[in-house]
Amino acid sequence: MSHKIYRVESFRIVGPYTLHVAFDDNTHQVINFWPALWGELYAPLRDPAVFNRVQISPEVQTLVWPNGADFDPETLHDWDQVGGMMHELVAERVPIPAARTARLKRPAKRVRTLH
């Protein structure tokens, strides 16, 4: 099993708990992180003031937060494939209001930029 190495080159906040993330292979993801913001490490990010303190780590080139939370760049890159699985795992443990669940099930958008 191979583990691809991607680097986050930039990001911008585009909505509540949602980032537009650009990668070194000229792809982009628009990621709604809400489904993953559960548990001891990620629950503090449900506070918008904390979530919006996201940065790119210069050492590992991924998104990091001041409390030590981060995501593997490959997970971010492939969020359209793995994000749904995260939502299902969370839904099994924590009830999420139906209106929010419907919004979260929409797939992430991936855009390839040609230079």
N, C-alpha and C. Protein backbone atom coordinates (compact mmCIF):
# COMPACT_ATOMS: atom_id res chain seq x y z
N MET A 1 0.85 -1.17 0.00
CA MET A 1 0.00 0.00 0.00
C MET A 1 0.89 1.24 0.00
N SER A 2 0.69 2.10 -0.96
CA SER A 2 1.53 3.29 -1.06
C SER A 2 0.86 4.47 -0.35
N HIS A 3 1.71 5.31 0.17
CA HIS A 3 1.25 6.51 0.84
C HIS A 3 1.79 7.69 0.05
N LYS A 4 0.91 8.36 -0.66
CA LYS A 4 1.33 9.50 -1.47
C LYS A 4 1.67 10.68 -0.58
N ILE A 5 2.62 11.45 -1.01
CA ILE A 5 3.02 12.61 -0.23
C ILE A 5 2.51 13.86 -0.95
N TYR A 6 1.64 14.56 -0.28
CA TYR A 6 1.11 15.83 -0.79
C TYR A 6 1.51 16.92 0.19
N ARG A 7 1.55 18.13 -0.30
CA ARG A 7 1.84 19.27 0.57
C ARG A 7 0.74 20.30 0.38
N VAL A 8 0.29 20.86 1.48
CA VAL A 8 -0.67 21.95 1.42
C VAL A 8 0.12 23.21 1.12
N GLU A 9 -0.25 23.88 0.04
CA GLU A 9 0.46 25.10 -0.35
C GLU A 9 -0.23 26.35 0.16
N SER A 10 -1.55 26.31 0.21
CA SER A 10 -2.29 27.48 0.70
C SER A 10 -3.70 27.06 1.09
N PHE A 11 -4.37 27.95 1.79
CA PHE A 11 -5.77 27.73 2.14
C PHE A 11 -6.42 29.08 2.33
N ARG A 12 -7.74 29.07 2.29
CA ARG A 12 -8.50 30.26 2.68
C ARG A 12 -9.81 29.79 3.28
N ILE A 13 -10.28 30.54 4.24
CA ILE A 13 -11.55 30.25 4.89
C ILE A 13 -12.66 30.71 3.96
N VAL A 14 -13.57 29.79 3.61
CA VAL A 14 -14.65 30.14 2.69
C VAL A 14 -16.03 30.04 3.32
N GLY A 15 -16.09 29.60 4.57
CA GLY A 15 -17.36 29.48 5.27
C GLY A 15 -17.12 28.90 6.64
N PRO A 16 -18.18 28.77 7.44
CA PRO A 16 -18.01 28.17 8.76
C PRO A 16 -17.43 26.75 8.65
N TYR A 17 -16.31 26.55 9.29
CA TYR A 17 -15.63 25.24 9.33
C TYR A 17 -15.24 24.74 7.94
N THR A 18 -15.18 25.63 6.98
CA THR A 18 -14.92 25.24 5.60
C THR A 18 -13.72 25.98 5.04
N LEU A 19 -12.79 25.21 4.48
CA LEU A 19 -11.57 25.77 3.91
C LEU A 19 -11.43 25.35 2.45
N HIS A 20 -10.91 26.25 1.66
CA HIS A 20 -10.47 25.94 0.30
C HIS A 20 -8.97 25.67 0.44
N VAL A 21 -8.55 24.44 0.12
CA VAL A 21 -7.16 24.02 0.34
C VAL A 21 -6.52 23.72 -1.01
N ALA A 22 -5.34 24.31 -1.25
CA ALA A 22 -4.59 24.08 -2.49
C ALA A 22 -3.38 23.20 -2.19
N PHE A 23 -3.12 22.25 -3.09
CA PHE A 23 -2.04 21.29 -2.91
C PHE A 23 -0.94 21.48 -3.95
N ASP A 24 0.20 20.87 -3.68
CA ASP A 24 1.36 21.01 -4.55
C ASP A 24 1.21 20.31 -5.90
N ASP A 25 0.17 19.50 -6.09
CA ASP A 25 -0.05 18.86 -7.38
C ASP A 25 -1.09 19.62 -8.21
N ASN A 26 -1.31 20.88 -7.85
CA ASN A 26 -2.25 21.78 -8.55
C ASN A 26 -3.71 21.37 -8.44
N THR A 27 -4.05 20.63 -7.38
CA THR A 27 -5.46 20.34 -7.12
C THR A 27 -5.90 21.15 -5.91
N HIS A 28 -7.20 21.24 -5.76
CA HIS A 28 -7.80 22.00 -4.67
C HIS A 28 -8.94 21.19 -4.10
N GLN A 29 -9.21 21.38 -2.84
CA GLN A 29 -10.39 20.79 -2.20
C GLN A 29 -11.11 21.89 -1.43
N VAL A 30 -12.42 21.86 -1.46
CA VAL A 30 -13.23 22.68 -0.56
C VAL A 30 -13.75 21.71 0.48
N ILE A 31 -13.30 21.89 1.71
CA ILE A 31 -13.55 20.91 2.76
C ILE A 31 -14.37 21.53 3.89
N ASN A 32 -15.51 20.90 4.18
CA ASN A 32 -16.29 21.24 5.37
C ASN A 32 -15.83 20.28 6.46
N PHE A 33 -15.13 20.80 7.45
CA PHE A 33 -14.54 19.96 8.49
C PHE A 33 -15.52 19.57 9.59
N TRP A 34 -16.70 20.15 9.62
CA TRP A 34 -17.63 19.91 10.73
C TRP A 34 -17.79 18.44 11.09
N PRO A 35 -17.94 17.52 10.12
CA PRO A 35 -18.13 16.11 10.49
C PRO A 35 -16.95 15.52 11.26
N ALA A 36 -15.78 16.09 11.14
CA ALA A 36 -14.59 15.53 11.80
C ALA A 36 -14.29 16.20 13.13
N LEU A 37 -15.05 17.21 13.51
CA LEU A 37 -14.73 17.99 14.70
C LEU A 37 -15.37 17.41 15.96
N TRP A 38 -14.96 16.20 16.28
CA TRP A 38 -15.47 15.50 17.45
C TRP A 38 -14.30 14.82 18.14
N GLY A 39 -14.47 14.52 19.39
CA GLY A 39 -13.40 13.86 20.13
C GLY A 39 -12.51 14.87 20.84
N GLU A 40 -11.66 14.35 21.67
CA GLU A 40 -10.82 15.18 22.52
C GLU A 40 -9.95 16.17 21.74
N LEU A 41 -9.37 15.73 20.64
CA LEU A 41 -8.45 16.59 19.89
C LEU A 41 -9.17 17.58 18.98
N TYR A 42 -10.24 17.14 18.33
CA TYR A 42 -10.88 17.97 17.31
C TYR A 42 -12.09 18.77 17.81
N ALA A 43 -12.73 18.36 18.90
CA ALA A 43 -13.91 19.08 19.40
C ALA A 43 -13.63 20.55 19.71
N PRO A 44 -12.45 20.91 20.23
CA PRO A 44 -12.20 22.35 20.48
C PRO A 44 -12.29 23.20 19.21
N LEU A 45 -12.12 22.59 18.04
CA LEU A 45 -12.19 23.34 16.79
C LEU A 45 -13.62 23.71 16.41
N ARG A 46 -14.59 23.19 17.15
CA ARG A 46 -15.98 23.57 16.90
C ARG A 46 -16.23 25.01 17.32
N ASP A 47 -15.33 25.58 18.10
CA ASP A 47 -15.38 27.01 18.42
C ASP A 47 -14.79 27.74 17.21
N PRO A 48 -15.60 28.57 16.52
CA PRO A 48 -15.10 29.23 15.32
C PRO A 48 -13.81 30.03 15.54
N ALA A 49 -13.68 30.63 16.71
CA ALA A 49 -12.46 31.41 16.99
C ALA A 49 -11.23 30.52 16.99
N VAL A 50 -11.38 29.29 17.46
CA VAL A 50 -10.27 28.34 17.47
C VAL A 50 -10.05 27.79 16.07
N PHE A 51 -11.12 27.38 15.41
CA PHE A 51 -11.00 26.82 14.06
C PHE A 51 -10.29 27.80 13.12
N ASN A 52 -10.65 29.06 13.21
CA ASN A 52 -10.11 30.07 12.30
C ASN A 52 -8.65 30.42 12.58
N ARG A 53 -8.05 29.81 13.58
CA ARG A 53 -6.62 30.02 13.86
C ARG A 53 -5.75 29.00 13.12
N VAL A 54 -6.33 28.33 12.15
CA VAL A 54 -5.61 27.34 11.35
C VAL A 54 -4.42 27.98 10.66
N GLN A 55 -3.36 27.20 10.52
CA GLN A 55 -2.15 27.64 9.83
C GLN A 55 -1.59 26.46 9.04
N ILE A 56 -0.61 26.74 8.21
CA ILE A 56 0.13 25.67 7.53
C ILE A 56 1.43 25.48 8.28
N SER A 57 1.70 24.26 8.70
CA SER A 57 2.95 23.96 9.38
C SER A 57 4.08 23.98 8.35
N PRO A 58 5.12 24.78 8.57
CA PRO A 58 6.23 24.80 7.61
C PRO A 58 7.03 23.49 7.63
N GLU A 59 6.96 22.74 8.72
CA GLU A 59 7.71 21.49 8.82
C GLU A 59 7.05 20.36 8.03
N VAL A 60 5.74 20.21 8.16
CA VAL A 60 5.06 19.07 7.54
C VAL A 60 4.09 19.46 6.42
N GLN A 61 3.97 20.76 6.15
CA GLN A 61 3.15 21.26 5.05
C GLN A 61 1.72 20.73 5.08
N THR A 62 1.11 20.82 6.25
CA THR A 62 -0.31 20.48 6.36
C THR A 62 -0.98 21.50 7.27
N LEU A 63 -2.29 21.42 7.38
CA LEU A 63 -3.04 22.32 8.23
C LEU A 63 -2.87 21.91 9.68
N VAL A 64 -2.62 22.90 10.54
CA VAL A 64 -2.47 22.65 11.97
C VAL A 64 -3.20 23.74 12.75
N TRP A 65 -3.59 23.39 13.97
CA TRP A 65 -4.26 24.33 14.86
C TRP A 65 -3.44 24.44 16.14
N PRO A 66 -3.63 25.53 16.88
CA PRO A 66 -2.82 25.76 18.08
C PRO A 66 -2.91 24.66 19.14
N ASN A 67 -4.01 23.90 19.16
CA ASN A 67 -4.15 22.84 20.17
C ASN A 67 -3.45 21.55 19.75
N GLY A 68 -2.76 21.55 18.60
CA GLY A 68 -2.06 20.37 18.13
C GLY A 68 -2.84 19.53 17.13
N ALA A 69 -4.07 19.89 16.87
CA ALA A 69 -4.87 19.15 15.88
C ALA A 69 -4.29 19.37 14.49
N ASP A 70 -4.30 18.31 13.70
CA ASP A 70 -3.88 18.41 12.31
C ASP A 70 -4.50 17.26 11.53
N PHE A 71 -4.34 17.30 10.22
CA PHE A 71 -4.82 16.23 9.34
C PHE A 71 -3.68 15.88 8.40
N ASP A 72 -3.54 14.60 8.12
CA ASP A 72 -2.55 14.15 7.16
C ASP A 72 -2.86 14.81 5.81
N PRO A 73 -1.85 15.32 5.11
CA PRO A 73 -2.12 15.97 3.82
C PRO A 73 -2.81 15.04 2.81
N GLU A 74 -2.52 13.74 2.85
CA GLU A 74 -3.19 12.82 1.93
C GLU A 74 -4.68 12.74 2.25
N THR A 75 -5.03 12.76 3.53
CA THR A 75 -6.44 12.76 3.93
C THR A 75 -7.12 14.01 3.40
N LEU A 76 -6.48 15.16 3.55
CA LEU A 76 -7.05 16.40 3.04
C LEU A 76 -7.19 16.34 1.52
N HIS A 77 -6.17 15.87 0.85
CA HIS A 77 -6.16 15.79 -0.61
C HIS A 77 -7.30 14.89 -1.11
N ASP A 78 -7.56 13.81 -0.40
CA ASP A 78 -8.58 12.85 -0.81
C ASP A 78 -9.87 12.97 0.00
N TRP A 79 -10.12 14.15 0.53
CA TRP A 79 -11.28 14.35 1.41
C TRP A 79 -12.58 13.94 0.73
N ASP A 80 -12.70 14.14 -0.57
CA ASP A 80 -13.94 13.77 -1.25
C ASP A 80 -14.20 12.27 -1.15
N GLN A 81 -13.17 11.48 -0.90
CA GLN A 81 -13.33 10.04 -0.73
C GLN A 81 -13.43 9.65 0.74
N VAL A 82 -12.67 10.27 1.61
CA VAL A 82 -12.64 9.86 3.02
C VAL A 82 -13.55 10.69 3.92
N GLY A 83 -13.93 11.87 3.49
CA GLY A 83 -14.78 12.73 4.32
C GLY A 83 -16.12 12.09 4.63
N GLY A 84 -16.71 11.39 3.66
CA GLY A 84 -17.98 10.71 3.89
C GLY A 84 -17.87 9.62 4.93
N MET A 85 -16.74 8.92 4.92
CA MET A 85 -16.53 7.87 5.93
C MET A 85 -16.44 8.49 7.33
N MET A 86 -15.79 9.65 7.42
CA MET A 86 -15.71 10.32 8.71
C MET A 86 -17.10 10.70 9.20
N HIS A 87 -17.93 11.20 8.29
CA HIS A 87 -19.28 11.59 8.67
C HIS A 87 -20.05 10.38 9.19
N GLU A 88 -19.92 9.24 8.52
CA GLU A 88 -20.64 8.04 8.96
C GLU A 88 -20.17 7.58 10.34
N LEU A 89 -18.86 7.63 10.60
CA LEU A 89 -18.35 7.24 11.91
C LEU A 89 -18.87 8.15 13.00
N VAL A 90 -18.89 9.44 12.73
CA VAL A 90 -19.39 10.40 13.72
C VAL A 90 -20.88 10.21 13.94
N ALA A 91 -21.63 10.00 12.86
CA ALA A 91 -23.08 9.85 12.96
C ALA A 91 -23.46 8.65 13.82
N GLU A 92 -22.61 7.63 13.82
CA GLU A 92 -22.88 6.46 14.66
C GLU A 92 -22.74 6.79 16.14
N ARG A 93 -21.91 7.77 16.47
CA ARG A 93 -21.61 8.09 17.87
C ARG A 93 -22.35 9.31 18.39
N VAL A 94 -22.56 10.30 17.52
CA VAL A 94 -23.11 11.57 17.97
C VAL A 94 -24.28 11.95 17.09
N PRO A 95 -25.45 12.20 17.68
CA PRO A 95 -26.58 12.64 16.85
C PRO A 95 -26.33 14.04 16.30
N ILE A 96 -26.51 14.19 14.99
CA ILE A 96 -26.35 15.48 14.34
C ILE A 96 -27.72 15.87 13.79
N PRO A 97 -28.15 17.11 13.99
CA PRO A 97 -29.46 17.52 13.48
C PRO A 97 -29.60 17.22 11.98
N ALA A 98 -30.78 16.78 11.56
CA ALA A 98 -31.01 16.34 10.18
C ALA A 98 -30.65 17.42 9.16
N ALA A 99 -30.99 18.67 9.43
CA ALA A 99 -30.69 19.75 8.47
C ALA A 99 -29.19 19.86 8.25
N ARG A 100 -28.41 19.77 9.30
CA ARG A 100 -26.95 19.86 9.17
C ARG A 100 -26.40 18.62 8.48
N THR A 101 -26.96 17.43 8.77
CA THR A 101 -26.51 16.19 8.15
C THR A 101 -26.69 16.25 6.64
N ALA A 102 -27.82 16.73 6.17
CA ALA A 102 -28.07 16.81 4.73
C ALA A 102 -27.04 17.70 4.06
N ARG A 103 -26.71 18.80 4.68
CA ARG A 103 -25.73 19.73 4.14
C ARG A 103 -24.34 19.10 4.10
N LEU A 104 -24.00 18.32 5.11
CA LEU A 104 -22.67 17.74 5.21
C LEU A 104 -22.43 16.58 4.26
N LYS A 105 -23.48 15.94 3.80
CA LYS A 105 -23.31 14.77 2.93
C LYS A 105 -22.94 15.16 1.51
N ARG A 106 -23.04 16.46 1.18
CA ARG A 106 -22.64 16.87 -0.15
C ARG A 106 -21.16 16.60 -0.34
N PRO A 107 -20.77 16.05 -1.48
CA PRO A 107 -19.35 15.75 -1.70
C PRO A 107 -18.53 17.02 -1.81
N ALA A 108 -17.27 16.91 -1.42
CA ALA A 108 -16.34 18.02 -1.56
C ALA A 108 -16.08 18.23 -3.04
N LYS A 109 -15.70 19.45 -3.39
CA LYS A 109 -15.40 19.75 -4.78
C LYS A 109 -13.90 19.69 -4.99
N ARG A 110 -13.50 19.02 -6.05
CA ARG A 110 -12.08 18.98 -6.40
C ARG A 110 -11.93 19.66 -7.74
N VAL A 111 -10.99 20.56 -7.80
CA VAL A 111 -10.74 21.31 -9.02
C VAL A 111 -9.29 21.15 -9.39
N ARG A 112 -9.02 20.77 -10.61
CA ARG A 112 -7.64 20.67 -11.07
C ARG A 112 -7.31 21.95 -11.83
N THR A 113 -6.24 22.58 -11.44
CA THR A 113 -5.80 23.80 -12.09
C THR A 113 -4.64 23.47 -13.00
N LEU A 114 -4.73 23.88 -14.24
CA LEU A 114 -3.65 23.66 -15.19
C LEU A 114 -2.85 24.94 -15.33
N HIS A 115 -1.56 24.84 -15.22
CA HIS A 115 -0.70 26.02 -15.37
C HIS A 115 0.09 25.94 -16.64
